[in-house]
Amino acid sequence: WATCATCMAVGDAFGTAVAGLGDLDGNGVPDIVVSSMGVVFVLYMTRNIDTVCIVCPVEVLSHDIIDVSSLITSSGVPSSLGALGDWDLLGTRDVAMGYESDATGGANYGAVFILHLTRSSAGVISLASSVTIADGTGGFTQDCTGGACRFGSSV
């Protein structure tokens, strides 16, 4: 994990949202996505098999960083994450990211982003494309009278 010492700063709220993605790297241990300020981390997990234990704890083997800062219209941290199937058929599970403070449809109306992920030949997962679902965007409308709907607080 020390390889990511420069990835985060105080207040980045690492771990605000977490979702399981299944075993992306084929090592038999499920991997996860974790939110932080402006990014989503794909954490590849492993078990320490050098330790004698009944139930061996998991630890982070490596990670990829997906920059989502260009998608969101206000500061803050994604409020929710959910694993989807491979919706775009690129061979990698896609992720729903809720962002309750997003201002796409209006101040604090919130949004859900469908993150279509892809894997390079080197095995690095990155953002291939995305779809924004918010008031008036992505075929969705909501009645957010008075504002602060917080759409996307949970996915």
C-alpha atoms as a PDB file:
ATOM      1  CA  TRP A   1       0.000   0.000   0.000  1.00  0.00           C
ATOM      2  CA  ALA A   2       3.016   2.238   0.466  1.00  0.00           C
ATOM      3  CA  THR A   3       3.091   2.704  -3.327  1.00  0.00           C
ATOM      4  CA  CYS A   4       0.063   4.947  -2.986  1.00  0.00           C
ATOM      5  CA  ALA A   5       1.441   7.328  -0.336  1.00  0.00           C
ATOM      6  CA  THR A   6       0.916  10.295  -2.656  1.00  0.00           C
ATOM      7  CA  CYS A   7      -2.576   9.255  -3.789  1.00  0.00           C
ATOM      8  CA  MET A   8      -4.465  10.617  -0.814  1.00  0.00           C
ATOM      9  CA  ALA A   9      -4.497  13.658   1.425  1.00  0.00           C
ATOM     10  CA  VAL A  10      -6.134  14.448   4.737  1.00  0.00           C
ATOM     11  CA  GLY A  11      -9.861  14.887   4.132  1.00  0.00           C
ATOM     12  CA  ASP A  12     -10.062  12.723   1.003  1.00  0.00           C
ATOM     13  CA  ALA A  13     -12.555  10.476   2.833  1.00  0.00           C
ATOM     14  CA  PHE A  14     -11.053   7.244   1.537  1.00  0.00           C
ATOM     15  CA  GLY A  15     -13.551   4.430   2.035  1.00  0.00           C
ATOM     16  CA  THR A  16     -16.741   6.499   2.081  1.00  0.00           C
ATOM     17  CA  ALA A  17     -18.191   3.915  -0.303  1.00  0.00           C
ATOM     18  CA  VAL A  18     -17.036   0.338  -0.951  1.00  0.00           C
ATOM     19  CA  ALA A  19     -18.370  -2.377  -3.263  1.00  0.00           C
ATOM     20  CA  GLY A  20     -17.247  -5.889  -4.144  1.00  0.00           C
ATOM     21  CA  LEU A  21     -16.312  -6.603  -7.757  1.00  0.00           C
ATOM     22  CA  GLY A  22     -15.634 -10.303  -7.618  1.00  0.00           C
ATOM     23  CA  ASP A  23     -12.224 -11.776  -8.403  1.00  0.00           C
ATOM     24  CA  LEU A  24     -10.878  -9.526 -11.186  1.00  0.00           C
ATOM     25  CA  ASP A  25      -7.299 -10.791 -11.167  1.00  0.00           C
ATOM     26  CA  GLY A  26      -8.075 -14.515 -10.915  1.00  0.00           C
ATOM     27  CA  ASN A  27      -6.196 -15.186  -7.667  1.00  0.00           C
ATOM     28  CA  GLY A  28      -9.228 -16.591  -5.841  1.00  0.00           C
ATOM     29  CA  VAL A  29      -9.758 -13.537  -3.598  1.00  0.00           C
ATOM     30  CA  PRO A  30     -12.580 -11.048  -4.328  1.00  0.00           C
ATOM     31  CA  ASP A  31     -11.454  -7.523  -5.238  1.00  0.00           C
ATOM     32  CA  ILE A  32     -13.144  -4.232  -4.279  1.00  0.00           C
ATOM     33  CA  VAL A  33     -13.711  -0.649  -5.430  1.00  0.00           C
ATOM     34  CA  VAL A  34     -13.311   2.148  -2.887  1.00  0.00           C
ATOM     35  CA  SER A  35     -14.224   5.832  -3.228  1.00  0.00           C
ATOM     36  CA  SER A  36     -12.065   8.806  -2.333  1.00  0.00           C
ATOM     37  CA  MET A  37     -11.964  12.489  -3.341  1.00  0.00           C
ATOM     38  CA  GLY A  38     -12.246  12.600  -7.146  1.00  0.00           C
ATOM     39  CA  VAL A  39     -11.136   9.002  -7.704  1.00  0.00           C
ATOM     40  CA  VAL A  40     -12.265   5.424  -7.379  1.00  0.00           C
ATOM     41  CA  PHE A  41      -9.646   2.857  -6.403  1.00  0.00           C
ATOM     42  CA  VAL A  42      -9.792  -0.717  -7.682  1.00  0.00           C
ATOM     43  CA  LEU A  43      -8.079  -2.712  -4.928  1.00  0.00           C
ATOM     44  CA  TYR A  44      -6.795  -6.151  -5.854  1.00  0.00           C
ATOM     45  CA  MET A  45      -6.867  -8.239  -2.717  1.00  0.00           C
ATOM     46  CA  THR A  46      -4.768 -11.252  -1.732  1.00  0.00           C
ATOM     47  CA  ARG A  47      -4.350 -13.590   1.218  1.00  0.00           C
ATOM     48  CA  ASN A  48      -1.055 -13.802   3.048  1.00  0.00           C
ATOM     49  CA  ILE A  49      -0.414 -17.515   2.539  1.00  0.00           C
ATOM     50  CA  ASP A  50       2.957 -17.304   4.309  1.00  0.00           C
ATOM     51  CA  THR A  51       1.098 -16.939   7.609  1.00  0.00           C
ATOM     52  CA  VAL A  52      -0.226 -19.991   9.453  1.00  0.00           C
ATOM     53  CA  CYS A  53      -3.854 -19.159  10.214  1.00  0.00           C
ATOM     54  CA  ILE A  54      -7.323 -20.686  10.304  1.00  0.00           C
ATOM     55  CA  VAL A  55      -8.907 -17.812   8.375  1.00  0.00           C
ATOM     56  CA  CYS A  56      -6.135 -15.838   6.702  1.00  0.00           C
ATOM     57  CA  PRO A  57      -6.776 -12.080   6.535  1.00  0.00           C
ATOM     58  CA  VAL A  58      -6.836 -10.364   3.173  1.00  0.00           C
ATOM     59  CA  GLU A  59      -4.588  -7.488   2.229  1.00  0.00           C
ATOM     60  CA  VAL A  60      -4.129  -5.192  -0.741  1.00  0.00           C
ATOM     61  CA  LEU A  61      -1.865  -6.706  -3.396  1.00  0.00           C
ATOM     62  CA  SER A  62      -2.028  -3.784  -5.849  1.00  0.00           C
ATOM     63  CA  HIS A  63      -4.442  -1.122  -7.082  1.00  0.00           C
ATOM     64  CA  ASP A  64      -5.607   0.897 -10.069  1.00  0.00           C
ATOM     65  CA  ILE A  65      -6.880   4.470  -9.843  1.00  0.00           C
ATOM     66  CA  ILE A  66      -9.854   5.666 -11.888  1.00  0.00           C
ATOM     67  CA  ASP A  67     -10.053   9.469 -12.064  1.00  0.00           C
ATOM     68  CA  VAL A  68     -13.717  10.505 -11.912  1.00  0.00           C
ATOM     69  CA  SER A  69     -13.120  14.188 -11.139  1.00  0.00           C
ATOM     70  CA  SER A  70     -14.078  15.247 -14.674  1.00  0.00           C
ATOM     71  CA  LEU A  71     -17.505  13.610 -14.296  1.00  0.00           C
ATOM     72  CA  ILE A  72     -18.702  15.382 -11.171  1.00  0.00           C
ATOM     73  CA  THR A  73     -19.912  18.967 -11.079  1.00  0.00           C
ATOM     74  CA  SER A  74     -19.161  19.823  -7.454  1.00  0.00           C
ATOM     75  CA  SER A  75     -16.533  18.947  -4.888  1.00  0.00           C
ATOM     76  CA  GLY A  76     -16.856  16.008  -2.571  1.00  0.00           C
ATOM     77  CA  VAL A  77     -16.590  12.261  -2.493  1.00  0.00           C
ATOM     78  CA  PRO A  78     -18.743   9.685  -4.287  1.00  0.00           C
ATOM     79  CA  SER A  79     -21.382   8.661  -1.747  1.00  0.00           C
ATOM     80  CA  SER A  80     -22.076   5.143  -2.977  1.00  0.00           C
ATOM     81  CA  LEU A  81     -20.714   2.419  -5.233  1.00  0.00           C
ATOM     82  CA  GLY A  82     -22.380  -0.669  -6.636  1.00  0.00           C
ATOM     83  CA  ALA A  83     -20.991  -3.471  -8.757  1.00  0.00           C
ATOM     84  CA  LEU A  84     -22.824  -4.144 -11.994  1.00  0.00           C
ATOM     85  CA  GLY A  85     -22.387  -6.849 -14.545  1.00  0.00           C
ATOM     86  CA  ASP A  86     -20.410  -6.277 -17.706  1.00  0.00           C
ATOM     87  CA  TRP A  87     -23.009  -3.921 -19.198  1.00  0.00           C
ATOM     88  CA  ASP A  88     -20.900  -2.746 -22.136  1.00  0.00           C
ATOM     89  CA  LEU A  89     -19.521  -6.232 -22.932  1.00  0.00           C
ATOM     90  CA  LEU A  90     -15.875  -5.087 -22.737  1.00  0.00           C
ATOM     91  CA  GLY A  91     -15.000  -7.999 -20.459  1.00  0.00           C
ATOM     92  CA  THR A  92     -14.792  -6.094 -17.153  1.00  0.00           C
ATOM     93  CA  ARG A  93     -17.541  -5.567 -14.587  1.00  0.00           C
ATOM     94  CA  ASP A  94     -18.918  -2.043 -14.603  1.00  0.00           C
ATOM     95  CA  VAL A  95     -19.658   0.120 -11.552  1.00  0.00           C
ATOM     96  CA  ALA A  96     -22.512   2.428 -10.545  1.00  0.00           C
ATOM     97  CA  MET A  97     -21.236   5.468  -8.643  1.00  0.00           C
ATOM     98  CA  GLY A  98     -23.687   7.628  -6.717  1.00  0.00           C
ATOM     99  CA  TYR A  99     -22.778  11.236  -6.036  1.00  0.00           C
ATOM    100  CA  GLU A 100     -25.434  12.869  -3.890  1.00  0.00           C
ATOM    101  CA  SER A 101     -23.881  16.367  -4.025  1.00  0.00           C
ATOM    102  CA  ASP A 102     -23.630  16.510  -7.815  1.00  0.00           C
ATOM    103  CA  ALA A 103     -25.129  19.625  -9.410  1.00  0.00           C
ATOM    104  CA  THR A 104     -25.813  18.309 -12.942  1.00  0.00           C
ATOM    105  CA  GLY A 105     -29.595  18.720 -12.566  1.00  0.00           C
ATOM    106  CA  GLY A 106     -29.423  21.470  -9.926  1.00  0.00           C
ATOM    107  CA  ALA A 107     -27.593  22.269  -6.689  1.00  0.00           C
ATOM    108  CA  ASN A 108     -27.320  19.081  -4.583  1.00  0.00           C
ATOM    109  CA  TYR A 109     -29.795  17.220  -6.784  1.00  0.00           C
ATOM    110  CA  GLY A 110     -27.310  14.361  -7.075  1.00  0.00           C
ATOM    111  CA  ALA A 111     -26.464  11.936  -9.858  1.00  0.00           C
ATOM    112  CA  VAL A 112     -25.599   8.331 -10.610  1.00  0.00           C
ATOM    113  CA  PHE A 113     -22.754   7.583 -12.996  1.00  0.00           C
ATOM    114  CA  ILE A 114     -22.434   4.264 -14.782  1.00  0.00           C
ATOM    115  CA  LEU A 115     -18.687   3.678 -15.105  1.00  0.00           C
ATOM    116  CA  HIS A 116     -17.897   1.394 -18.028  1.00  0.00           C
ATOM    117  CA  LEU A 117     -14.521  -0.122 -17.199  1.00  0.00           C
ATOM    118  CA  THR A 118     -11.987  -1.776 -19.451  1.00  0.00           C
ATOM    119  CA  ARG A 119      -8.770  -3.707 -18.849  1.00  0.00           C
ATOM    120  CA  SER A 120      -5.596  -3.026 -20.842  1.00  0.00           C
ATOM    121  CA  SER A 121      -3.342  -5.788 -22.148  1.00  0.00           C
ATOM    122  CA  ALA A 122      -1.123  -5.054 -19.126  1.00  0.00           C
ATOM    123  CA  GLY A 123      -4.091  -5.755 -16.830  1.00  0.00           C
ATOM    124  CA  VAL A 124      -4.730  -2.139 -15.763  1.00  0.00           C
ATOM    125  CA  ILE A 125      -8.390  -1.231 -15.293  1.00  0.00           C
ATOM    126  CA  SER A 126      -9.448   2.207 -16.511  1.00  0.00           C
ATOM    127  CA  LEU A 127     -12.566   4.142 -17.438  1.00  0.00           C
ATOM    128  CA  ALA A 128     -13.669   3.383 -21.005  1.00  0.00           C
ATOM    129  CA  SER A 129     -16.780   5.591 -20.923  1.00  0.00           C
ATOM    130  CA  SER A 130     -19.523   6.713 -18.596  1.00  0.00           C
ATOM    131  CA  VAL A 131     -23.214   7.547 -18.544  1.00  0.00           C
ATOM    132  CA  THR A 132     -24.624  10.262 -16.302  1.00  0.00           C
ATOM    133  CA  ILE A 133     -28.108   9.850 -14.837  1.00  0.00           C
ATOM    134  CA  ALA A 134     -29.421  13.012 -13.182  1.00  0.00           C
ATOM    135  CA  ASP A 135     -32.415  15.326 -13.354  1.00  0.00           C
ATOM    136  CA  GLY A 136     -32.865  16.056 -17.063  1.00  0.00           C
ATOM    137  CA  THR A 137     -29.891  13.875 -18.079  1.00  0.00           C
ATOM    138  CA  GLY A 138     -29.723  10.288 -19.241  1.00  0.00           C
ATOM    139  CA  GLY A 139     -33.494  10.061 -19.808  1.00  0.00           C
ATOM    140  CA  PHE A 140     -34.300  10.728 -16.148  1.00  0.00           C
ATOM    141  CA  THR A 141     -36.362  13.455 -14.530  1.00  0.00           C
ATOM    142  CA  GLN A 142     -37.133  13.943 -10.871  1.00  0.00           C
ATOM    143  CA  ASP A 143     -39.293  16.358  -8.953  1.00  0.00           C
ATOM    144  CA  CYS A 144     -36.778  17.993  -6.692  1.00  0.00           C
ATOM    145  CA  THR A 145     -38.871  20.848  -5.379  1.00  0.00           C
ATOM    146  CA  GLY A 146     -36.820  22.822  -2.884  1.00  0.00           C
ATOM    147  CA  GLY A 147     -33.533  21.223  -3.972  1.00  0.00           C
ATOM    148  CA  ALA A 148     -31.154  18.926  -2.128  1.00  0.00           C
ATOM    149  CA  CYS A 149     -32.712  15.687  -3.405  1.00  0.00           C
ATOM    150  CA  ARG A 150     -29.440  13.817  -2.905  1.00  0.00           C
ATOM    151  CA  PHE A 151     -30.154  11.379  -5.751  1.00  0.00           C
ATOM    152  CA  GLY A 152     -27.359   8.795  -5.787  1.00  0.00           C
ATOM    153  CA  SER A 153     -26.901   8.649  -2.021  1.00  0.00           C
ATOM    154  CA  SER A 154     -27.281   4.914  -2.396  1.00  0.00           C
ATOM    155  CA  VAL A 155     -26.944   2.626  -5.410  1.00  0.00           C
END
